[in-house]
Amino acid sequence: MTTDRVIIEELFLRLPGLSAPAARRVSREVAERIGHGLGKALPARSLGALDITVTARPGASRDELVETVAAAVLEALTR
């Protein structure tokens, strides 16, 4: 039986230089952006853990950081 459901059990982001509240906001936005992009990126198989390293440019805005991280996760899902 197939399902249209995706479960992300854990999403860990290390965001040096951000306060705890700011890091939580970025994490929440990244998760939302990943959720919106899954329809196009979701493989037809079960995945284990993804280990992705992303480096944002110094001085990146919060929106740029969110987009960079979410895009890297979605790209990794299509590999």
PDB file of N, CA and C in Angstrom:
ATOM      1  N   MET A   1       0.842  -1.169   0.000  1.00  0.00           N
ATOM      2  CA  MET A   1       0.000   0.000   0.000  1.00  0.00           C
ATOM      3  C   MET A   1       0.893   1.240   0.000  1.00  0.00           C
ATOM      4  N   THR A   2       0.629   2.184  -0.865  1.00  0.00           N
ATOM      5  CA  THR A   2       1.399   3.419  -0.893  1.00  0.00           C
ATOM      6  C   THR A   2       0.720   4.477  -0.042  1.00  0.00           C
ATOM      7  N   THR A   3       1.498   5.427   0.339  1.00  0.00           N
ATOM      8  CA  THR A   3       0.969   6.506   1.157  1.00  0.00           C
ATOM      9  C   THR A   3       1.492   7.835   0.629  1.00  0.00           C
ATOM     10  N   ASP A   4       0.734   8.864   0.814  1.00  0.00           N
ATOM     11  CA  ASP A   4       1.154  10.199   0.403  1.00  0.00           C
ATOM     12  C   ASP A   4       1.735  10.959   1.589  1.00  0.00           C
ATOM     13  N   ARG A   5       2.248  10.218   2.526  1.00  0.00           N
ATOM     14  CA  ARG A   5       2.729  10.801   3.766  1.00  0.00           C
ATOM     15  C   ARG A   5       4.242  10.744   3.854  1.00  0.00           C
ATOM     16  N   VAL A   6       4.809  11.782   4.388  1.00  0.00           N
ATOM     17  CA  VAL A   6       6.242  11.819   4.646  1.00  0.00           C
ATOM     18  C   VAL A   6       6.416  12.112   6.125  1.00  0.00           C
ATOM     19  N   ILE A   7       7.294  11.362   6.739  1.00  0.00           N
ATOM     20  CA  ILE A   7       7.583  11.587   8.154  1.00  0.00           C
ATOM     21  C   ILE A   7       9.056  11.936   8.283  1.00  0.00           C
ATOM     22  N   ILE A   8       9.322  13.109   8.805  1.00  0.00           N
ATOM     23  CA  ILE A   8      10.683  13.501   9.131  1.00  0.00           C
ATOM     24  C   ILE A   8      10.778  13.360  10.638  1.00  0.00           C
ATOM     25  N   GLU A   9      11.481  12.335  11.069  1.00  0.00           N
ATOM     26  CA  GLU A   9      11.546  12.064  12.503  1.00  0.00           C
ATOM     27  C   GLU A   9      12.394  13.079  13.246  1.00  0.00           C
ATOM     28  N   GLU A  10      13.506  13.463  12.652  1.00  0.00           N
ATOM     29  CA  GLU A  10      14.387  14.431  13.302  1.00  0.00           C
ATOM     30  C   GLU A  10      15.016  15.326  12.248  1.00  0.00           C
ATOM     31  N   LEU A  11      15.154  16.578  12.580  1.00  0.00           N
ATOM     32  CA  LEU A  11      15.849  17.533  11.725  1.00  0.00           C
ATOM     33  C   LEU A  11      16.773  18.326  12.635  1.00  0.00           C
ATOM     34  N   PHE A  12      18.067  18.080  12.492  1.00  0.00           N
ATOM     35  CA  PHE A  12      19.055  18.775  13.313  1.00  0.00           C
ATOM     36  C   PHE A  12      19.776  19.801  12.445  1.00  0.00           C
ATOM     37  N   LEU A  13      19.777  21.027  12.880  1.00  0.00           N
ATOM     38  CA  LEU A  13      20.528  22.076  12.199  1.00  0.00           C
ATOM     39  C   LEU A  13      21.481  22.708  13.205  1.00  0.00           C
ATOM     40  N   ARG A  14      22.712  22.841  12.830  1.00  0.00           N
ATOM     41  CA  ARG A  14      23.683  23.554  13.660  1.00  0.00           C
ATOM     42  C   ARG A  14      23.817  24.934  13.043  1.00  0.00           C
ATOM     43  N   LEU A  15      23.425  25.946  13.788  1.00  0.00           N
ATOM     44  CA  LEU A  15      23.391  27.313  13.265  1.00  0.00           C
ATOM     45  C   LEU A  15      24.212  28.240  14.159  1.00  0.00           C
ATOM     46  N   PRO A  16      25.544  28.168  14.028  1.00  0.00           N
ATOM     47  CA  PRO A  16      26.382  28.996  14.884  1.00  0.00           C
ATOM     48  C   PRO A  16      26.130  30.480  14.624  1.00  0.00           C
ATOM     49  N   GLY A  17      26.190  31.254  15.694  1.00  0.00           N
ATOM     50  CA  GLY A  17      26.028  32.690  15.556  1.00  0.00           C
ATOM     51  C   GLY A  17      24.601  33.171  15.723  1.00  0.00           C
ATOM     52  N   LEU A  18      23.643  32.249  15.825  1.00  0.00           N
ATOM     53  CA  LEU A  18      22.247  32.639  16.021  1.00  0.00           C
ATOM     54  C   LEU A  18      21.835  32.370  17.459  1.00  0.00           C
ATOM     55  N   SER A  19      20.970  33.205  17.976  1.00  0.00           N
ATOM     56  CA  SER A  19      20.405  32.942  19.302  1.00  0.00           C
ATOM     57  C   SER A  19      19.494  31.728  19.204  1.00  0.00           C
ATOM     58  N   ALA A  20      19.169  31.128  20.334  1.00  0.00           N
ATOM     59  CA  ALA A  20      18.286  29.954  20.333  1.00  0.00           C
ATOM     60  C   ALA A  20      16.935  30.272  19.686  1.00  0.00           C
ATOM     61  N   PRO A  21      16.274  31.398  20.008  1.00  0.00           N
ATOM     62  CA  PRO A  21      14.990  31.697  19.360  1.00  0.00           C
ATOM     63  C   PRO A  21      15.135  31.892  17.839  1.00  0.00           C
ATOM     64  N   ALA A  22      16.201  32.552  17.413  1.00  0.00           N
ATOM     65  CA  ALA A  22      16.412  32.759  15.975  1.00  0.00           C
ATOM     66  C   ALA A  22      16.675  31.427  15.277  1.00  0.00           C
ATOM     67  N   ALA A  23      17.451  30.552  15.906  1.00  0.00           N
ATOM     68  CA  ALA A  23      17.724  29.230  15.326  1.00  0.00           C
ATOM     69  C   ALA A  23      16.449  28.409  15.219  1.00  0.00           C
ATOM     70  N   ARG A  24      15.568  28.492  16.211  1.00  0.00           N
ATOM     71  CA  ARG A  24      14.286  27.773  16.146  1.00  0.00           C
ATOM     72  C   ARG A  24      13.428  28.293  14.993  1.00  0.00           C
ATOM     73  N   ARG A  25      13.417  29.615  14.791  1.00  0.00           N
ATOM     74  CA  ARG A  25      12.639  30.185  13.681  1.00  0.00           C
ATOM     75  C   ARG A  25      13.187  29.710  12.338  1.00  0.00           C
ATOM     76  N   VAL A  26      14.506  29.732  12.182  1.00  0.00           N
ATOM     77  CA  VAL A  26      15.118  29.258  10.939  1.00  0.00           C
ATOM     78  C   VAL A  26      14.797  27.783  10.727  1.00  0.00           C
ATOM     79  N   SER A  27      14.918  26.971  11.765  1.00  0.00           N
ATOM     80  CA  SER A  27      14.625  25.538  11.656  1.00  0.00           C
ATOM     81  C   SER A  27      13.179  25.295  11.241  1.00  0.00           C
ATOM     82  N   ARG A  28      12.264  26.028  11.844  1.00  0.00           N
ATOM     83  CA  ARG A  28      10.846  25.889  11.505  1.00  0.00           C
ATOM     84  C   ARG A  28      10.598  26.273  10.045  1.00  0.00           C
ATOM     85  N   GLU A  29      11.218  27.363   9.602  1.00  0.00           N
ATOM     86  CA  GLU A  29      11.049  27.789   8.213  1.00  0.00           C
ATOM     87  C   GLU A  29      11.671  26.798   7.236  1.00  0.00           C
ATOM     88  N   VAL A  30      12.828  26.232   7.590  1.00  0.00           N
ATOM     89  CA  VAL A  30      13.452  25.217   6.739  1.00  0.00           C
ATOM     90  C   VAL A  30      12.521  24.010   6.603  1.00  0.00           C
ATOM     91  N   ALA A  31      11.971  23.536   7.711  1.00  0.00           N
ATOM     92  CA  ALA A  31      11.057  22.385   7.672  1.00  0.00           C
ATOM     93  C   ALA A  31       9.838  22.687   6.807  1.00  0.00           C
ATOM     94  N   GLU A  32       9.289  23.877   6.927  1.00  0.00           N
ATOM     95  CA  GLU A  32       8.134  24.255   6.102  1.00  0.00           C
ATOM     96  C   GLU A  32       8.508  24.279   4.622  1.00  0.00           C
ATOM     97  N   ARG A  33       9.660  24.859   4.304  1.00  0.00           N
ATOM     98  CA  ARG A  33      10.091  24.940   2.910  1.00  0.00           C
ATOM     99  C   ARG A  33      10.344  23.555   2.335  1.00  0.00           C
ATOM    100  N   ILE A  34      10.923  22.657   3.136  1.00  0.00           N
ATOM    101  CA  ILE A  34      11.123  21.275   2.685  1.00  0.00           C
ATOM    102  C   ILE A  34       9.777  20.622   2.422  1.00  0.00           C
ATOM    103  N   GLY A  35       8.831  20.814   3.331  1.00  0.00           N
ATOM    104  CA  GLY A  35       7.502  20.239   3.157  1.00  0.00           C
ATOM    105  C   GLY A  35       6.834  20.686   1.871  1.00  0.00           C
ATOM    106  N   HIS A  36       6.968  21.952   1.537  1.00  0.00           N
ATOM    107  CA  HIS A  36       6.354  22.469   0.307  1.00  0.00           C
ATOM    108  C   HIS A  36       7.031  21.928  -0.948  1.00  0.00           C
ATOM    109  N   GLY A  37       8.314  21.612  -0.852  1.00  0.00           N
ATOM    110  CA  GLY A  37       9.043  21.139  -2.016  1.00  0.00           C
ATOM    111  C   GLY A  37       9.081  19.636  -2.186  1.00  0.00           C
ATOM    112  N   LEU A  38       8.536  18.898  -1.250  1.00  0.00           N
ATOM    113  CA  LEU A  38       8.640  17.437  -1.307  1.00  0.00           C
ATOM    114  C   LEU A  38       7.899  16.811  -2.475  1.00  0.00           C
ATOM    115  N   GLY A  39       6.824  17.396  -2.920  1.00  0.00           N
ATOM    116  CA  GLY A  39       6.059  16.816  -4.030  1.00  0.00           C
ATOM    117  C   GLY A  39       6.904  16.602  -5.267  1.00  0.00           C
ATOM    118  N   LYS A  40       7.826  17.510  -5.525  1.00  0.00           N
ATOM    119  CA  LYS A  40       8.689  17.412  -6.699  1.00  0.00           C
ATOM    120  C   LYS A  40       9.924  16.568  -6.437  1.00  0.00           C
ATOM    121  N   ALA A  41      10.388  16.541  -5.204  1.00  0.00           N
ATOM    122  CA  ALA A  41      11.683  15.927  -4.898  1.00  0.00           C
ATOM    123  C   ALA A  41      11.584  14.527  -4.321  1.00  0.00           C
ATOM    124  N   LEU A  42      10.422  14.135  -3.865  1.00  0.00           N
ATOM    125  CA  LEU A  42      10.303  12.893  -3.111  1.00  0.00           C
ATOM    126  C   LEU A  42      10.575  11.662  -3.967  1.00  0.00           C
ATOM    127  N   PRO A  43      11.544  10.868  -3.584  1.00  0.00           N
ATOM    128  CA  PRO A  43      11.819   9.628  -4.313  1.00  0.00           C
ATOM    129  C   PRO A  43      10.771   8.576  -3.967  1.00  0.00           C
ATOM    130  N   ALA A  44      10.649   7.606  -4.813  1.00  0.00           N
ATOM    131  CA  ALA A  44       9.670   6.538  -4.602  1.00  0.00           C
ATOM    132  C   ALA A  44      10.305   5.409  -3.799  1.00  0.00           C
ATOM    133  N   ARG A  45      11.007   5.762  -2.746  1.00  0.00           N
ATOM    134  CA  ARG A  45      11.626   4.761  -1.900  1.00  0.00           C
ATOM    135  C   ARG A  45      11.789   5.327  -0.491  1.00  0.00           C
ATOM    136  N   SER A  46      12.027   4.435   0.414  1.00  0.00           N
ATOM    137  CA  SER A  46      12.249   4.841   1.789  1.00  0.00           C
ATOM    138  C   SER A  46      13.692   5.315   1.939  1.00  0.00           C
ATOM    139  N   LEU A  47      13.882   6.322   2.734  1.00  0.00           N
ATOM    140  CA  LEU A  47      15.220   6.867   2.953  1.00  0.00           C
ATOM    141  C   LEU A  47      15.673   6.622   4.371  1.00  0.00           C
ATOM    142  N   GLY A  48      16.943   6.488   4.531  1.00  0.00           N
ATOM    143  CA  GLY A  48      17.523   6.467   5.865  1.00  0.00           C
ATOM    144  C   GLY A  48      17.889   7.888   6.244  1.00  0.00           C
ATOM    145  N   ALA A  49      18.979   8.031   6.919  1.00  0.00           N
ATOM    146  CA  ALA A  49      19.427   9.358   7.337  1.00  0.00           C
ATOM    147  C   ALA A  49      20.139  10.056   6.189  1.00  0.00           C
ATOM    148  N   LEU A  50      19.961  11.350   6.120  1.00  0.00           N
ATOM    149  CA  LEU A  50      20.709  12.185   5.198  1.00  0.00           C
ATOM    150  C   LEU A  50      21.678  13.011   6.034  1.00  0.00           C
ATOM    151  N   ASP A  51      22.921  13.045   5.636  1.00  0.00           N
ATOM    152  CA  ASP A  51      23.918  13.867   6.316  1.00  0.00           C
ATOM    153  C   ASP A  51      24.404  14.885   5.298  1.00  0.00           C
ATOM    154  N   ILE A  52      24.017  16.128   5.479  1.00  0.00           N
ATOM    155  CA  ILE A  52      24.295  17.170   4.499  1.00  0.00           C
ATOM    156  C   ILE A  52      25.056  18.298   5.191  1.00  0.00           C
ATOM    157  N   THR A  53      26.103  18.769   4.543  1.00  0.00           N
ATOM    158  CA  THR A  53      26.832  19.933   5.042  1.00  0.00           C
ATOM    159  C   THR A  53      26.583  21.080   4.084  1.00  0.00           C
ATOM    160  N   VAL A  54      26.111  22.187   4.616  1.00  0.00           N
ATOM    161  CA  VAL A  54      25.825  23.370   3.819  1.00  0.00           C
ATOM    162  C   VAL A  54      26.561  24.541   4.451  1.00  0.00           C
ATOM    163  N   THR A  55      27.229  25.305   3.630  1.00  0.00           N
ATOM    164  CA  THR A  55      27.897  26.504   4.121  1.00  0.00           C
ATOM    165  C   THR A  55      27.238  27.716   3.486  1.00  0.00           C
ATOM    166  N   ALA A  56      26.693  28.573   4.328  1.00  0.00           N
ATOM    167  CA  ALA A  56      26.073  29.805   3.833  1.00  0.00           C
ATOM    168  C   ALA A  56      27.144  30.882   3.752  1.00  0.00           C
ATOM    169  N   ARG A  57      26.937  31.814   2.869  1.00  0.00           N
ATOM    170  CA  ARG A  57      27.910  32.908   2.738  1.00  0.00           C
ATOM    171  C   ARG A  57      27.852  33.777   3.994  1.00  0.00           C
ATOM    172  N   PRO A  58      28.975  34.316   4.389  1.00  0.00           N
ATOM    173  CA  PRO A  58      28.993  35.203   5.555  1.00  0.00           C
ATOM    174  C   PRO A  58      28.034  36.378   5.335  1.00  0.00           C
ATOM    175  N   GLY A  59      27.247  36.674   6.348  1.00  0.00           N
ATOM    176  CA  GLY A  59      26.308  37.783   6.256  1.00  0.00           C
ATOM    177  C   GLY A  59      25.013  37.446   5.553  1.00  0.00           C
ATOM    178  N   ALA A  60      24.779  36.157   5.272  1.00  0.00           N
ATOM    179  CA  ALA A  60      23.542  35.759   4.586  1.00  0.00           C
ATOM    180  C   ALA A  60      22.332  36.145   5.433  1.00  0.00           C
ATOM    181  N   SER A  61      21.271  36.578   4.766  1.00  0.00           N
ATOM    182  CA  SER A  61      20.033  36.906   5.472  1.00  0.00           C
ATOM    183  C   SER A  61      19.359  35.626   5.945  1.00  0.00           C
ATOM    184  N   ARG A  62      18.405  35.758   6.848  1.00  0.00           N
ATOM    185  CA  ARG A  62      17.669  34.584   7.329  1.00  0.00           C
ATOM    186  C   ARG A  62      16.969  33.889   6.170  1.00  0.00           C
ATOM    187  N   ASP A  63      16.345  34.652   5.278  1.00  0.00           N
ATOM    188  CA  ASP A  63      15.653  34.041   4.136  1.00  0.00           C
ATOM    189  C   ASP A  63      16.624  33.283   3.234  1.00  0.00           C
ATOM    190  N   GLU A  64      17.801  33.850   3.020  1.00  0.00           N
ATOM    191  CA  GLU A  64      18.804  33.177   2.198  1.00  0.00           C
ATOM    192  C   GLU A  64      19.288  31.896   2.874  1.00  0.00           C
ATOM    193  N   LEU A  65      19.482  31.945   4.177  1.00  0.00           N
ATOM    194  CA  LEU A  65      19.898  30.766   4.931  1.00  0.00           C
ATOM    195  C   LEU A  65      18.847  29.667   4.834  1.00  0.00           C
ATOM    196  N   VAL A  66      17.584  30.037   5.036  1.00  0.00           N
ATOM    197  CA  VAL A  66      16.487  29.063   4.940  1.00  0.00           C
ATOM    198  C   VAL A  66      16.465  28.434   3.551  1.00  0.00           C
ATOM    199  N   GLU A  67      16.540  29.250   2.521  1.00  0.00           N
ATOM    200  CA  GLU A  67      16.487  28.745   1.148  1.00  0.00           C
ATOM    201  C   GLU A  67      17.674  27.835   0.845  1.00  0.00           C
ATOM    202  N   THR A  68      18.860  28.200   1.285  1.00  0.00           N
ATOM    203  CA  THR A  68      20.056  27.406   1.025  1.00  0.00           C
ATOM    204  C   THR A  68      19.958  26.029   1.666  1.00  0.00           C
ATOM    205  N   VAL A  69      19.540  25.983   2.924  1.00  0.00           N
ATOM    206  CA  VAL A  69      19.442  24.705   3.640  1.00  0.00           C
ATOM    207  C   VAL A  69      18.331  23.840   3.046  1.00  0.00           C
ATOM    208  N   ALA A  70      17.154  24.415   2.825  1.00  0.00           N
ATOM    209  CA  ALA A  70      16.035  23.650   2.288  1.00  0.00           C
ATOM    210  C   ALA A  70      16.359  23.112   0.902  1.00  0.00           C
ATOM    211  N   ALA A  71      16.979  23.926   0.060  1.00  0.00           N
ATOM    212  CA  ALA A  71      17.351  23.477  -1.282  1.00  0.00           C
ATOM    213  C   ALA A  71      18.341  22.319  -1.230  1.00  0.00           C
ATOM    214  N   ALA A  72      19.289  22.374  -0.298  1.00  0.00           N
ATOM    215  CA  ALA A  72      20.271  21.291  -0.171  1.00  0.00           C
ATOM    216  C   ALA A  72      19.597  19.989   0.250  1.00  0.00           C
ATOM    217  N   VAL A  73      18.639  20.063   1.164  1.00  0.00           N
ATOM    218  CA  VAL A  73      17.919  18.857   1.594  1.00  0.00           C
ATOM    219  C   VAL A  73      17.100  18.287   0.430  1.00  0.00           C
ATOM    220  N   LEU A  74      16.373  19.148  -0.250  1.00  0.00           N
ATOM    221  CA  LEU A  74      15.547  18.675  -1.368  1.00  0.00           C
ATOM    222  C   LEU A  74      16.413  18.093  -2.497  1.00  0.00           C
ATOM    223  N   GLU A  75      17.553  18.694  -2.752  1.00  0.00           N
ATOM    224  CA  GLU A  75      18.461  18.153  -3.764  1.00  0.00           C
ATOM    225  C   GLU A  75      18.981  16.780  -3.362  1.00  0.00           C
ATOM    226  N   ALA A  76      19.319  16.619  -2.091  1.00  0.00           N
ATOM    227  CA  ALA A  76      19.802  15.329  -1.598  1.00  0.00           C
ATOM    228  C   ALA A  76      18.738  14.248  -1.723  1.00  0.00           C
ATOM    229  N   LEU A  77      17.483  14.619  -1.592  1.00  0.00           N
ATOM    230  CA  LEU A  77      16.397  13.636  -1.710  1.00  0.00           C
ATOM    231  C   LEU A  77      16.253  13.102  -3.136  1.00  0.00           C
ATOM    232  N   THR A  78      16.657  13.874  -4.116  1.00  0.00           N
ATOM    233  CA  THR A  78      16.495  13.447  -5.508  1.00  0.00           C
ATOM    234  C   THR A  78      17.676  12.623  -6.025  1.00  0.00           C
ATOM    235  N   ARG A  79      18.720  12.510  -5.224  1.00  0.00           N
ATOM    236  CA  ARG A  79      19.892  11.719  -5.645  1.00  0.00           C
ATOM    237  C   ARG A  79      19.634  10.250  -5.559  1.00  0.00           C
TER     238      ARG A  79
END
